[in-house]
Structure formats: C-alpha cells, structure tokens
N, C-alpha and C. Protein backbone atom coordinates (compact mmCIF):
# COMPACT_ATOMS: atom_id res chain seq x y z
N MET A 1 -134.97 31.29 103.27
CA MET A 1 -136.65 31.29 102.34
C MET A 1 -136.97 29.82 102.08
N ARG A 2 -136.12 29.06 101.36
CA ARG A 2 -136.31 27.79 100.88
C ARG A 2 -136.75 27.04 101.89
N ARG A 3 -136.27 27.09 103.26
CA ARG A 3 -136.45 26.32 104.29
C ARG A 3 -138.15 26.77 104.87
N THR A 4 -137.91 28.29 104.67
CA THR A 4 -139.51 28.32 105.01
C THR A 4 -140.60 27.81 104.04
N LEU A 5 -140.06 27.81 102.77
CA LEU A 5 -141.02 27.48 101.80
C LEU A 5 -141.28 25.76 101.86
N ARG A 6 -140.26 25.10 102.28
CA ARG A 6 -140.09 23.26 102.32
C ARG A 6 -141.23 23.29 103.70
N THR A 7 -140.99 24.10 104.84
CA THR A 7 -142.09 24.07 105.96
C THR A 7 -143.12 24.28 105.66
N THR A 8 -143.33 24.98 104.86
CA THR A 8 -144.65 25.53 104.61
C THR A 8 -145.47 24.40 103.98
N VAL A 9 -144.80 24.11 102.92
CA VAL A 9 -145.34 22.83 101.96
C VAL A 9 -145.92 21.53 102.65
N ALA A 10 -144.77 21.42 103.73
CA ALA A 10 -144.71 20.17 104.45
C ALA A 10 -146.01 20.29 105.36
N ALA A 11 -146.33 21.14 105.78
CA ALA A 11 -147.21 21.61 106.67
C ALA A 11 -148.79 21.24 105.84
N VAL A 12 -148.58 21.95 104.52
CA VAL A 12 -149.73 21.82 103.92
C VAL A 12 -150.13 20.62 103.64
N ALA A 13 -149.15 19.75 103.22
CA ALA A 13 -149.50 18.51 102.98
C ALA A 13 -150.01 17.69 104.08
N VAL A 14 -149.18 17.84 104.98
CA VAL A 14 -149.97 16.85 106.10
C VAL A 14 -151.02 17.33 106.41
N THR A 15 -151.59 18.70 106.38
CA THR A 15 -152.96 19.58 106.59
C THR A 15 -153.72 18.72 105.57
N ALA A 16 -153.68 18.79 104.48
CA ALA A 16 -154.29 18.17 103.66
C ALA A 16 -154.62 16.51 103.56
N SER A 17 -153.77 16.02 103.93
CA SER A 17 -153.69 14.31 104.11
C SER A 17 -154.70 14.35 105.14
N ALA A 18 -154.62 14.99 106.27
CA ALA A 18 -155.77 14.74 107.46
C ALA A 18 -157.14 15.11 106.86
N ALA A 19 -157.23 16.16 106.10
CA ALA A 19 -158.41 16.82 105.92
C ALA A 19 -159.05 15.66 104.70
N LEU A 20 -158.34 15.14 103.88
CA LEU A 20 -158.74 14.28 102.92
C LEU A 20 -158.94 12.92 103.33
N GLY A 21 -158.67 12.56 104.75
CA GLY A 21 -158.55 11.29 105.18
C GLY A 21 -157.47 10.33 104.91
N GLY A 22 -156.46 10.93 104.78
CA GLY A 22 -154.89 10.04 104.49
C GLY A 22 -154.95 10.14 103.39
N GLY A 23 -155.48 10.57 102.21
CA GLY A 23 -155.23 10.41 100.59
C GLY A 23 -153.98 10.70 100.29
N LEU A 24 -153.43 11.80 100.73
CA LEU A 24 -152.01 12.40 100.77
C LEU A 24 -150.93 11.86 101.79
N LEU A 25 -151.18 10.93 101.99
CA LEU A 25 -150.40 10.72 103.40
C LEU A 25 -148.76 10.11 102.88
N THR A 26 -148.59 9.70 101.69
CA THR A 26 -147.70 9.27 101.04
C THR A 26 -146.84 10.23 100.85
N ALA A 27 -147.19 11.32 100.59
CA ALA A 27 -146.58 12.61 100.57
C ALA A 27 -145.53 13.11 101.58
N ALA A 28 -146.08 12.87 102.52
CA ALA A 28 -145.82 13.53 103.74
C ALA A 28 -144.50 13.07 104.48
N PRO A 29 -144.10 11.74 104.34
CA PRO A 29 -142.61 11.32 104.61
C PRO A 29 -141.72 12.01 103.84
N ALA A 30 -141.82 12.01 102.67
CA ALA A 30 -140.82 12.64 101.23
C ALA A 30 -140.57 14.28 101.86
N ALA A 31 -141.73 14.91 102.11
CA ALA A 31 -141.58 16.62 102.52
C ALA A 31 -140.94 16.23 103.83
N ALA A 32 -141.22 15.79 104.97
CA ALA A 32 -140.70 15.65 106.27
C ALA A 32 -139.04 15.29 106.13
N ALA A 33 -138.71 14.65 105.11
CA ALA A 33 -136.83 14.31 105.11
C ALA A 33 -136.16 15.45 105.16
N PRO A 34 -136.41 16.20 104.42
CA PRO A 34 -135.65 17.64 104.49
C PRO A 34 -135.80 18.35 105.88
N LEU A 35 -136.83 17.95 106.49
CA LEU A 35 -136.95 18.66 107.79
C LEU A 35 -136.06 18.12 108.64
N ALA A 36 -135.95 16.54 108.78
CA ALA A 36 -135.11 15.69 109.64
C ALA A 36 -133.28 16.17 109.22
N GLU A 37 -133.09 16.34 108.34
CA GLU A 37 -131.80 17.00 107.52
C GLU A 37 -131.47 17.96 108.20
N GLU A 38 -132.68 19.25 108.02
CA GLU A 38 -132.28 20.33 108.75
C GLU A 38 -132.12 20.74 110.04
N THR A 39 -132.77 19.71 110.94
CA THR A 39 -132.73 19.47 112.40
C THR A 39 -131.39 18.84 112.70
N ALA A 40 -130.95 18.08 111.89
CA ALA A 40 -129.39 17.39 112.16
C ALA A 40 -128.58 18.26 111.94
N ALA A 41 -128.46 19.04 110.86
CA ALA A 41 -127.78 20.14 110.30
C ALA A 41 -127.70 21.37 111.71
N SER A 42 -128.93 21.59 111.97
CA SER A 42 -128.86 22.41 113.12
C SER A 42 -128.05 22.17 114.10
N SER A 43 -128.55 20.75 114.73
CA SER A 43 -127.76 20.12 116.07
C SER A 43 -126.30 20.21 115.52
N GLN A 44 -125.85 19.81 114.63
CA GLN A 44 -124.42 19.69 114.30
C GLN A 44 -123.68 21.40 114.50
N SER A 45 -124.53 22.34 113.80
CA SER A 45 -124.16 23.62 113.84
C SER A 45 -123.99 24.03 115.64
N SER A 46 -125.18 23.55 116.08
CA SER A 46 -124.94 24.14 117.47
C SER A 46 -123.90 23.46 118.36
N ALA A 47 -123.60 22.17 118.17
CA ALA A 47 -122.41 21.71 118.62
C ALA A 47 -121.03 22.08 118.06
N ARG A 48 -120.68 22.76 117.10
CA ARG A 48 -119.66 23.54 116.38
C ARG A 48 -119.57 24.91 117.23
N SER A 49 -120.55 25.50 117.37
CA SER A 49 -120.81 26.66 118.07
C SER A 49 -120.39 26.56 119.49
N ASN A 50 -120.83 25.47 119.99
CA ASN A 50 -120.70 25.22 121.64
C ASN A 50 -119.20 24.55 121.48
N LEU A 51 -118.56 24.33 120.77
CA LEU A 51 -116.89 23.84 120.45
C LEU A 51 -116.14 25.08 120.64
N SER A 52 -116.76 26.14 119.81
CA SER A 52 -115.87 27.37 119.42
C SER A 52 -115.97 28.22 120.42
N VAL A 53 -117.15 28.75 121.19
CA VAL A 53 -117.25 28.97 122.46
C VAL A 53 -116.32 28.63 123.34
N ALA A 54 -116.50 27.09 123.53
CA ALA A 54 -115.63 26.54 124.95
C ALA A 54 -114.24 26.86 124.62
N ARG A 55 -113.80 26.83 123.40
CA ARG A 55 -112.25 26.80 122.85
C ARG A 55 -111.77 28.45 123.43
N GLY A 56 -112.93 29.49 123.28
CA GLY A 56 -112.59 30.65 123.56
C GLY A 56 -112.54 30.55 124.99
N TYR A 57 -113.44 30.10 125.68
CA TYR A 57 -113.31 30.41 127.25
C TYR A 57 -111.85 29.87 127.86
N MET A 58 -111.44 28.72 127.22
CA MET A 58 -110.31 27.95 127.24
C MET A 58 -109.16 28.58 126.74
N ASN A 59 -109.13 29.84 126.09
CA ASN A 59 -107.89 30.66 125.83
C ASN A 59 -107.78 31.99 126.47
N LEU A 60 -109.02 32.20 127.40
CA LEU A 60 -108.78 33.17 128.07
C LEU A 60 -107.88 33.15 129.34
N SER A 61 -107.19 34.46 129.76
CA SER A 61 -106.54 34.10 130.99
C SER A 61 -107.44 33.71 131.93
N HIS A 62 -106.73 33.00 133.48
CA HIS A 62 -107.71 32.43 134.41
C HIS A 62 -108.24 33.46 134.78
N THR A 63 -107.94 34.93 135.10
CA THR A 63 -108.70 35.71 135.38
C THR A 63 -109.90 36.52 134.90
N GLN A 64 -109.73 36.54 133.50
CA GLN A 64 -110.71 36.60 132.78
C GLN A 64 -111.92 35.49 132.70
N PHE A 65 -111.38 34.13 132.82
CA PHE A 65 -112.20 33.42 132.79
C PHE A 65 -113.09 33.33 134.25
N ALA A 66 -112.30 33.59 135.30
CA ALA A 66 -113.04 33.56 136.40
C ALA A 66 -114.14 34.73 136.43
N GLY A 67 -114.27 35.99 135.52
CA GLY A 67 -115.18 36.63 135.64
C GLY A 67 -116.27 36.56 134.56
N LEU A 68 -116.37 35.03 133.88
CA LEU A 68 -117.40 34.74 132.93
C LEU A 68 -118.59 35.00 133.67
N LYS A 69 -119.61 35.08 132.97
CA LYS A 69 -121.10 34.52 133.53
C LYS A 69 -121.41 33.23 132.90
N LYS A 70 -121.74 32.19 134.05
CA LYS A 70 -122.11 30.80 133.73
C LYS A 70 -123.04 30.68 132.98
N VAL A 71 -122.91 30.47 131.51
CA VAL A 71 -124.23 30.14 130.76
C VAL A 71 -124.38 28.65 130.27
N LYS A 72 -125.45 28.44 130.06
CA LYS A 72 -125.86 26.87 129.41
C LYS A 72 -125.61 27.01 128.04
N PRO A 73 -125.22 25.76 127.43
CA PRO A 73 -125.28 24.53 128.05
C PRO A 73 -123.93 23.74 128.80
N PHE A 74 -122.98 24.82 129.33
CA PHE A 74 -121.93 24.38 129.38
C PHE A 74 -121.79 23.71 131.11
N ASN A 75 -120.87 22.79 131.34
CA ASN A 75 -121.10 22.73 132.65
C ASN A 75 -119.61 23.28 133.46
N TRP A 76 -120.26 23.93 134.34
CA TRP A 76 -119.66 25.02 135.32
C TRP A 76 -118.95 24.20 136.83
N THR A 77 -119.18 23.31 137.25
CA THR A 77 -118.91 22.72 138.30
C THR A 77 -117.40 22.74 138.46
N ASN A 78 -116.91 22.79 139.91
CA ASN A 78 -115.60 22.60 139.95
C ASN A 78 -115.41 21.92 141.15
N ASN A 79 -114.36 21.37 141.15
CA ASN A 79 -113.84 21.02 142.74
C ASN A 79 -112.77 21.60 143.53
N GLY A 80 -112.40 22.79 142.76
CA GLY A 80 -111.56 23.44 143.28
C GLY A 80 -109.88 22.77 142.90
N CYS A 81 -108.96 22.77 143.69
CA CYS A 81 -107.60 22.46 143.32
C CYS A 81 -107.43 20.96 144.15
N SER A 82 -107.13 19.75 143.31
CA SER A 82 -106.61 18.68 144.04
C SER A 82 -105.07 18.84 144.19
N VAL A 83 -104.71 18.93 145.42
CA VAL A 83 -103.55 19.20 145.49
C VAL A 83 -102.16 18.03 145.73
N PRO A 84 -101.18 18.24 144.68
CA PRO A 84 -100.13 17.06 144.88
C PRO A 84 -99.37 17.33 146.32
N THR A 85 -99.05 16.36 146.90
CA THR A 85 -98.31 16.25 148.32
C THR A 85 -97.26 17.47 148.25
N GLY A 86 -97.36 18.33 149.23
CA GLY A 86 -96.50 19.02 149.64
C GLY A 86 -96.65 20.53 148.63
N TYR A 87 -97.72 20.53 148.26
CA TYR A 87 -98.21 21.93 147.51
C TYR A 87 -99.26 22.58 147.82
N ALA A 88 -99.87 22.36 149.15
CA ALA A 88 -101.01 23.04 149.39
C ALA A 88 -100.79 24.30 149.42
N PRO A 89 -99.73 24.94 150.00
CA PRO A 89 -99.74 26.45 149.81
C PRO A 89 -100.13 27.21 148.39
N TYR A 90 -100.20 26.70 147.47
CA TYR A 90 -100.07 27.11 146.26
C TYR A 90 -101.69 27.00 145.61
N MET A 91 -102.64 26.40 146.61
CA MET A 91 -103.88 25.86 146.38
C MET A 91 -104.86 27.08 145.82
N LYS A 92 -104.45 28.02 146.90
CA LYS A 92 -105.12 29.34 146.59
C LYS A 92 -104.92 30.26 145.49
N THR A 93 -103.44 30.09 145.23
CA THR A 93 -103.01 30.91 143.83
C THR A 93 -103.53 30.35 142.41
N PHE A 94 -103.67 28.93 142.54
CA PHE A 94 -104.03 28.38 141.52
C PHE A 94 -105.46 27.89 141.41
N THR A 95 -106.46 28.27 142.25
CA THR A 95 -107.92 28.34 142.13
C THR A 95 -108.54 28.66 140.92
N THR A 96 -108.13 29.66 140.54
CA THR A 96 -108.90 30.03 138.85
C THR A 96 -108.60 29.46 138.14
N SER A 97 -107.24 28.88 138.10
CA SER A 97 -106.69 28.01 136.68
C SER A 97 -107.30 26.52 137.27
N CYS A 98 -107.35 26.38 138.01
CA CYS A 98 -107.99 24.80 138.28
C CYS A 98 -109.34 24.91 138.01
N ASN A 99 -110.12 25.79 138.28
CA ASN A 99 -111.31 26.13 137.88
C ASN A 99 -111.80 25.98 136.19
N GLN A 100 -110.88 26.58 135.69
CA GLN A 100 -110.79 26.73 134.15
C GLN A 100 -110.25 25.25 133.72
N HIS A 101 -109.56 24.39 133.94
CA HIS A 101 -109.09 23.38 133.83
C HIS A 101 -110.01 22.42 134.04
N ASP A 102 -110.89 22.45 135.12
CA ASP A 102 -112.19 21.61 135.43
C ASP A 102 -113.22 21.85 134.22
N PHE A 103 -113.23 23.20 133.91
CA PHE A 103 -114.11 23.56 132.68
C PHE A 103 -113.86 22.78 131.68
N GLY A 104 -112.71 22.68 131.15
CA GLY A 104 -112.09 21.99 130.06
C GLY A 104 -112.43 20.55 130.41
N TYR A 105 -111.90 19.92 131.31
CA TYR A 105 -112.27 18.74 131.18
C TYR A 105 -113.96 17.98 131.11
N ARG A 106 -114.80 18.79 131.99
CA ARG A 106 -116.14 18.63 132.15
C ARG A 106 -117.04 18.87 130.72
N ASN A 107 -116.05 19.76 130.00
CA ASN A 107 -117.15 20.11 128.69
C ASN A 107 -116.71 19.37 127.23
N PHE A 108 -115.41 19.37 127.21
CA PHE A 108 -114.61 18.75 126.15
C PHE A 108 -114.28 16.96 126.46
N GLY A 109 -114.26 16.82 127.55
CA GLY A 109 -114.06 15.27 127.82
C GLY A 109 -115.28 14.38 128.11
N SER A 110 -115.13 13.00 128.12
CA SER A 110 -116.39 12.34 128.13
C SER A 110 -116.69 11.68 129.61
N ALA A 111 -115.77 11.91 130.24
CA ALA A 111 -116.16 11.29 131.83
C ALA A 111 -117.29 11.65 132.45
N ALA A 112 -117.63 13.34 132.22
CA ALA A 112 -118.49 13.99 132.81
C ALA A 112 -119.89 13.40 132.13
N LYS A 113 -120.04 12.83 131.14
CA LYS A 113 -121.05 12.66 130.67
C LYS A 113 -121.96 14.03 130.09
N GLY A 114 -121.27 14.77 129.65
CA GLY A 114 -121.97 16.24 129.41
C GLY A 114 -121.57 16.43 127.79
N LEU A 115 -121.20 17.73 127.46
CA LEU A 115 -121.51 17.81 126.07
C LEU A 115 -120.17 17.09 125.18
N GLU A 116 -119.30 16.45 125.75
CA GLU A 116 -118.11 15.77 125.03
C GLU A 116 -117.67 16.73 123.81
N LEU A 117 -117.25 17.99 123.99
CA LEU A 117 -117.13 18.47 122.75
C LEU A 117 -115.64 17.97 121.79
N ASP A 118 -115.13 17.49 122.62
CA ASP A 118 -113.86 16.90 121.96
C ASP A 118 -112.93 15.98 122.64
N PRO A 119 -113.63 14.72 123.03
CA PRO A 119 -112.86 13.94 123.90
C PRO A 119 -111.95 13.08 123.34
N THR A 120 -110.70 13.76 123.19
CA THR A 120 -109.42 13.22 122.21
C THR A 120 -108.28 13.33 122.84
N ARG A 121 -107.59 12.77 122.81
CA ARG A 121 -105.81 12.75 123.44
C ARG A 121 -105.43 14.32 123.19
N THR A 122 -105.53 14.82 121.99
CA THR A 122 -104.95 15.93 121.76
C THR A 122 -105.99 17.34 122.42
N ALA A 123 -107.10 16.90 122.66
CA ALA A 123 -107.72 18.23 123.57
C ALA A 123 -107.23 17.96 124.88
N LYS A 124 -107.03 16.90 125.44
CA LYS A 124 -106.80 16.72 126.73
C LYS A 124 -105.56 17.25 127.21
N ASN A 125 -104.72 17.17 126.10
CA ASN A 125 -103.14 17.61 126.36
C ASN A 125 -103.19 19.13 126.20
N TRP A 126 -104.23 19.66 125.43
CA TRP A 126 -104.13 20.98 125.42
C TRP A 126 -104.64 21.82 126.39
N ILE A 127 -105.80 20.98 126.63
CA ILE A 127 -106.27 21.69 128.27
C ILE A 127 -105.42 21.59 129.45
N ASP A 128 -104.48 20.58 129.30
CA ASP A 128 -103.50 20.34 130.45
C ASP A 128 -102.34 21.60 130.08
N ALA A 129 -102.01 21.60 129.01
CA ALA A 129 -101.03 22.79 128.67
C ALA A 129 -101.53 24.02 128.97
N ARG A 130 -102.76 24.52 128.78
CA ARG A 130 -103.48 25.64 129.19
C ARG A 130 -103.37 25.73 130.72
N PHE A 131 -104.02 24.82 131.32
CA PHE A 131 -103.80 24.88 132.87
C PHE A 131 -102.28 25.38 133.30
N LYS A 132 -101.25 24.56 132.94
CA LYS A 132 -99.70 24.87 133.26
C LYS A 132 -99.50 26.47 132.77
N ALA A 133 -100.05 27.08 131.62
CA ALA A 133 -99.66 28.14 131.28
C ALA A 133 -100.35 29.15 132.33
N GLU A 134 -101.76 28.69 132.54
CA GLU A 134 -102.39 29.81 133.51
C GLU A 134 -101.88 29.70 134.82
N MET A 135 -101.16 28.54 135.45
CA MET A 135 -100.84 28.55 136.75
C MET A 135 -99.56 29.33 136.75
N ARG A 136 -98.60 29.46 135.65
CA ARG A 136 -97.48 29.94 135.55
C ARG A 136 -97.92 31.91 135.50
N ARG A 137 -98.70 31.93 134.87
CA ARG A 137 -99.06 33.45 134.71
C ARG A 137 -99.50 33.94 136.07
N ALA A 138 -100.39 32.82 136.84
CA ALA A 138 -100.68 33.05 138.48
C ALA A 138 -99.45 33.41 138.98
N CYS A 139 -98.40 32.56 138.99
CA CYS A 139 -97.17 32.71 139.75
C CYS A 139 -96.53 33.87 139.49
N LYS A 140 -96.30 34.30 138.06
CA LYS A 140 -95.64 35.62 137.79
C LYS A 140 -96.46 37.07 138.38
N THR A 141 -97.90 36.87 138.54
CA THR A 141 -98.79 37.79 138.91
C THR A 141 -98.48 38.02 140.32
N LYS A 142 -98.47 36.57 141.41
CA LYS A 142 -98.09 36.98 142.40
C LYS A 142 -97.17 37.35 142.94
N TYR A 143 -95.93 36.53 142.38
CA TYR A 143 -94.76 36.75 142.98
C TYR A 143 -93.60 37.79 142.10
N LYS A 144 -93.81 37.96 141.06
CA LYS A 144 -93.03 38.96 140.21
C LYS A 144 -91.79 38.08 139.76
N LYS A 145 -90.71 37.93 140.94
CA LYS A 145 -89.22 37.28 140.37
C LYS A 145 -88.86 37.04 141.68
N GLY A 146 -87.63 36.01 141.49
CA GLY A 146 -86.73 35.92 142.58
C GLY A 146 -87.32 33.96 143.04
N ASN A 147 -87.03 33.55 144.20
CA ASN A 147 -86.96 32.42 144.50
C ASN A 147 -88.65 32.05 144.86
N PRO A 148 -89.55 33.02 145.22
CA PRO A 148 -90.48 32.83 145.30
C PRO A 148 -91.19 32.66 144.13
N LEU A 149 -91.01 33.05 143.16
CA LEU A 149 -91.58 32.79 141.76
C LEU A 149 -91.16 31.21 141.14
N LYS A 150 -89.90 31.06 141.23
CA LYS A 150 -89.21 29.81 141.01
C LYS A 150 -90.14 28.47 141.84
N LEU A 151 -90.25 28.87 142.96
CA LEU A 151 -91.03 27.90 144.03
C LEU A 151 -92.45 27.69 143.39
N CYS A 152 -93.17 28.87 143.02
CA CYS A 152 -94.29 28.83 142.68
C CYS A 152 -94.69 27.98 141.38
N ASN A 153 -93.44 28.39 140.43
CA ASN A 153 -93.37 27.64 138.87
C ASN A 153 -93.10 26.04 139.37
N SER A 154 -92.41 25.87 140.02
CA SER A 154 -92.17 24.58 140.27
C SER A 154 -93.59 23.59 140.95
N ALA A 155 -94.29 24.24 141.59
CA ALA A 155 -95.52 23.73 141.98
C ALA A 155 -96.34 23.53 140.88
N ALA A 156 -96.51 24.80 139.90
CA ALA A 156 -97.32 24.61 138.85
C ALA A 156 -96.89 23.56 138.05
N ALA A 157 -95.75 23.17 138.01
CA ALA A 157 -94.98 22.09 137.02
C ALA A 157 -95.53 20.77 137.75
N ALA A 158 -95.50 20.57 139.19
CA ALA A 158 -96.02 19.47 139.76
C ALA A 158 -97.61 19.26 139.66
N TYR A 159 -98.11 20.29 139.77
CA TYR A 159 -99.53 20.28 139.47
C TYR A 159 -99.93 19.74 137.93
N HIS A 160 -99.17 20.21 136.93
CA HIS A 160 -99.61 20.01 135.56
C HIS A 160 -98.99 18.40 135.40
N PHE A 161 -97.93 17.99 136.21
CA PHE A 161 -97.26 16.47 135.78
C PHE A 161 -98.59 15.76 136.41
N ALA A 162 -99.35 16.12 137.70
CA ALA A 162 -100.38 15.20 138.00
C ALA A 162 -101.23 14.98 137.23
N VAL A 163 -102.06 16.34 136.70
CA VAL A 163 -103.16 16.15 135.53
C VAL A 163 -102.77 15.05 134.27
N ASN A 164 -101.63 15.63 133.85
CA ASN A 164 -101.06 15.33 132.86
C ASN A 164 -100.60 13.46 132.80
N ASN A 165 -100.36 13.10 133.60
CA ASN A 165 -100.19 11.71 134.13
C ASN A 165 -101.25 10.81 134.66
N ALA A 166 -102.02 11.55 135.29
CA ALA A 166 -103.08 10.69 136.46
C ALA A 166 -104.34 11.04 135.78
N GLY A 167 -104.52 12.20 134.90
CA GLY A 167 -105.74 12.80 134.67
C GLY A 167 -106.74 12.23 133.87
N ASP A 168 -106.10 11.03 132.91
CA ASP A 168 -107.16 10.42 131.89
C ASP A 168 -108.57 9.71 132.66
N LYS A 169 -108.54 9.17 133.61
CA LYS A 169 -109.89 8.59 134.17
C LYS A 169 -110.96 9.83 134.33
N HIS A 170 -110.14 10.99 134.42
CA HIS A 170 -111.30 12.31 134.78
C HIS A 170 -111.58 12.97 133.53
N PHE A 171 -111.05 12.59 132.42
CA PHE A 171 -111.26 13.10 131.30
C PHE A 171 -111.76 12.39 130.24
N PHE A 172 -111.63 10.95 130.20
CA PHE A 172 -112.06 10.09 129.41
C PHE A 172 -113.13 9.02 130.13
N GLY A 173 -112.85 9.07 131.09
CA GLY A 173 -114.05 8.11 132.01
C GLY A 173 -113.35 6.83 132.46
C-alpha cells in the first residue's frame, strides 16, 4: 500500500510539474528516490530468488534435474561430458550428471557471463561435490553391486578429480 501511494504521489508530482511549466520540478527527484531504492530492492530480491531456485535444482537427483522444464533466466546449455582419458564408456552413464554440473557452472560461476549467482570457491566445490554424488548415484542405479559398480565409481572419481582440479577456468573465467 505504501509503495502504491508513493508511486501515485510521485506520478502526480511529475504530472503537476509538467502542467505548471516545471514549477514543482524540484519535488520530483525526492519523490523518485524511493522508486530507485524499490527497484534496487526488487532486483536484489529477484537475484536471491534465482539463487534459491538454482540451489534447489542443483540439490535434485540427476534424473529429477533431467526432467525439469528449462525456464528463464537460467542458462541451460551444456556440452555433454568431457571425458577423462580411458573413461569414455561411462560418458552415457554420466550425461545427466554432467548436464546438471554444466548448469551449476553456467549459472553460479562467472566464466559464462550469465547470472553469476555465487562465483565463489565454496560454490564451485559444492557443485563439484554434487557432480560426484550424482555420478555415484548413476553408478549404483546402473550397476547395483560388484566389480562393475566399483569400476563405475572409479570413473566417477576420475571425472570429479578432473573438474575439481582443472575446472577453475570454466567456472571463474
């Protein structure tokens, strides 16, 4: 209600100023100041909301993430899985985990020049840890137990090692 009243008062002041040949023009900047503050507050609120939504997406399982509708303002582009040497057979197993990881880097990091929701070391490490957890989940879903599961988890560890140690330029720019 207050914001509507201030907006109305500001609009009336500007209209009156124009109608009177600028006689009240000095009142318009003072009335406009709260509007600028409200716009900044709204922008900050939107950024917090985007951060909250993106964190929620990153906390989904890789299969739940794969089923999401790709909504704006998020960057949903992905490049599949960059494969560490010798681990190509797991690329398909890890595709949805890789796509979720790409989402994290492109929306939290600063390299993509996108939303830059949280371009910090803490955020990168969290995204990389989520990647490892989701690859291990994919391994357990596909292989259940035994040597194939161990080999898949080893591949997940190699993928994680690669992004954890060589992913800075893709996250930070």
